[in-house]
Structure formats: structure tokens, C-alpha cells
Amino acid sequence: MRLSTGAVGTSADSAAAEAFNVGLKRETLQGARGWSSAGEARLAVFKWITR
């Protein structure tokens, strides 16, 4: 992961958060047909974070 080089308040300021969200969406959420409950969705995200 690269450090953000943007100034506070710029789009580059949240580079780490954006990279996290892109990875989460690509590896966990993309292609999922849905979950039967919110708890099941949370578990899928938790498993991705703690992999």
C-alpha cells in the first residue's frame, strides 16, 4: 500500500480507504447474488478482512 500524498480535503487524501474499498468490492461483493441476512453479509466481509 502506498501512502497518500494529497492535501487534506483532496481526492488523493483518501487513497488508502479507496484502495481498501476497491479490493473489498472486487474480491467479496462482485458477483455475489446476495446474502440471506445482514449477518451473513457482515460475516463475508469479516472473513475477507481477516484472511
C-alpha atoms as a PDB file:
ATOM      1  CA  MET A   1       0.000   0.000   0.000  1.00  0.00           C
ATOM      2  CA  ARG A   2       1.316   3.452  -0.862  1.00  0.00           C
ATOM      3  CA  LEU A   3       0.906   6.445   1.407  1.00  0.00           C
ATOM      4  CA  SER A   4      -1.431   9.184   0.318  1.00  0.00           C
ATOM      5  CA  THR A   5       0.362  12.265  -0.967  1.00  0.00           C
ATOM      6  CA  GLY A   6      -2.635  14.550  -1.292  1.00  0.00           C
ATOM      7  CA  ALA A   7      -3.510  17.520   0.871  1.00  0.00           C
ATOM      8  CA  VAL A   8      -6.317  17.306   3.407  1.00  0.00           C
ATOM      9  CA  GLY A   9      -9.663  17.573   1.672  1.00  0.00           C
ATOM     10  CA  THR A  10      -8.495  16.416  -1.752  1.00  0.00           C
ATOM     11  CA  SER A  11      -9.499  13.236  -3.505  1.00  0.00           C
ATOM     12  CA  ALA A  12      -5.959  11.885  -3.051  1.00  0.00           C
ATOM     13  CA  ASP A  13      -6.346  12.251   0.723  1.00  0.00           C
ATOM     14  CA  SER A  14      -8.422   9.100   0.985  1.00  0.00           C
ATOM     15  CA  ALA A  15      -6.271   6.892  -1.263  1.00  0.00           C
ATOM     16  CA  ALA A  16      -5.881   4.136   1.338  1.00  0.00           C
ATOM     17  CA  ALA A  17      -9.611   3.993   2.020  1.00  0.00           C
ATOM     18  CA  GLU A  18     -10.363   3.920  -1.700  1.00  0.00           C
ATOM     19  CA  ALA A  19      -7.891   1.078  -2.237  1.00  0.00           C
ATOM     20  CA  PHE A  20      -9.493  -0.858   0.631  1.00  0.00           C
ATOM     21  CA  ASN A  21     -12.996  -0.383  -0.773  1.00  0.00           C
ATOM     22  CA  VAL A  22     -11.974  -1.385  -4.284  1.00  0.00           C
ATOM     23  CA  GLY A  23     -10.361  -4.579  -3.011  1.00  0.00           C
ATOM     24  CA  LEU A  24     -13.377  -5.416  -0.862  1.00  0.00           C
ATOM     25  CA  LYS A  25     -15.821  -4.890  -3.704  1.00  0.00           C
ATOM     26  CA  ARG A  26     -13.735  -6.797  -6.234  1.00  0.00           C
ATOM     27  CA  GLU A  27     -12.912  -9.801  -4.051  1.00  0.00           C
ATOM     28  CA  THR A  28     -16.021 -10.156  -1.882  1.00  0.00           C
ATOM     29  CA  LEU A  29     -19.027  -8.345  -3.254  1.00  0.00           C
ATOM     30  CA  GLN A  30     -18.616  -8.548  -7.019  1.00  0.00           C
ATOM     31  CA  GLY A  31     -20.526 -11.466  -8.456  1.00  0.00           C
ATOM     32  CA  ALA A  32     -22.359 -12.182  -5.215  1.00  0.00           C
ATOM     33  CA  ARG A  33     -26.019 -12.830  -5.765  1.00  0.00           C
ATOM     34  CA  GLY A  34     -26.842 -11.607  -2.309  1.00  0.00           C
ATOM     35  CA  TRP A  35     -26.968 -12.852   1.209  1.00  0.00           C
ATOM     36  CA  SER A  36     -29.941 -14.150   3.142  1.00  0.00           C
ATOM     37  CA  SER A  37     -29.319 -11.762   6.031  1.00  0.00           C
ATOM     38  CA  ALA A  38     -27.268  -8.764   7.066  1.00  0.00           C
ATOM     39  CA  GLY A  39     -25.335 -11.004   9.454  1.00  0.00           C
ATOM     40  CA  GLU A  40     -24.298 -13.272   6.593  1.00  0.00           C
ATOM     41  CA  ALA A  41     -23.074 -10.262   4.595  1.00  0.00           C
ATOM     42  CA  ARG A  42     -21.120  -8.988   7.605  1.00  0.00           C
ATOM     43  CA  LEU A  43     -19.528 -12.412   8.029  1.00  0.00           C
ATOM     44  CA  ALA A  44     -18.405 -12.420   4.379  1.00  0.00           C
ATOM     45  CA  VAL A  45     -16.773  -9.009   4.853  1.00  0.00           C
ATOM     46  CA  PHE A  46     -15.196 -10.101   8.166  1.00  0.00           C
ATOM     47  CA  LYS A  47     -13.733 -13.199   6.515  1.00  0.00           C
ATOM     48  CA  TRP A  48     -12.243 -11.040   3.758  1.00  0.00           C
ATOM     49  CA  ILE A  49     -10.711  -8.607   6.255  1.00  0.00           C
ATOM     50  CA  THR A  50      -9.196 -11.356   8.423  1.00  0.00           C
ATOM     51  CA  ARG A  51      -7.951 -13.577   5.610  1.00  0.00           C
END
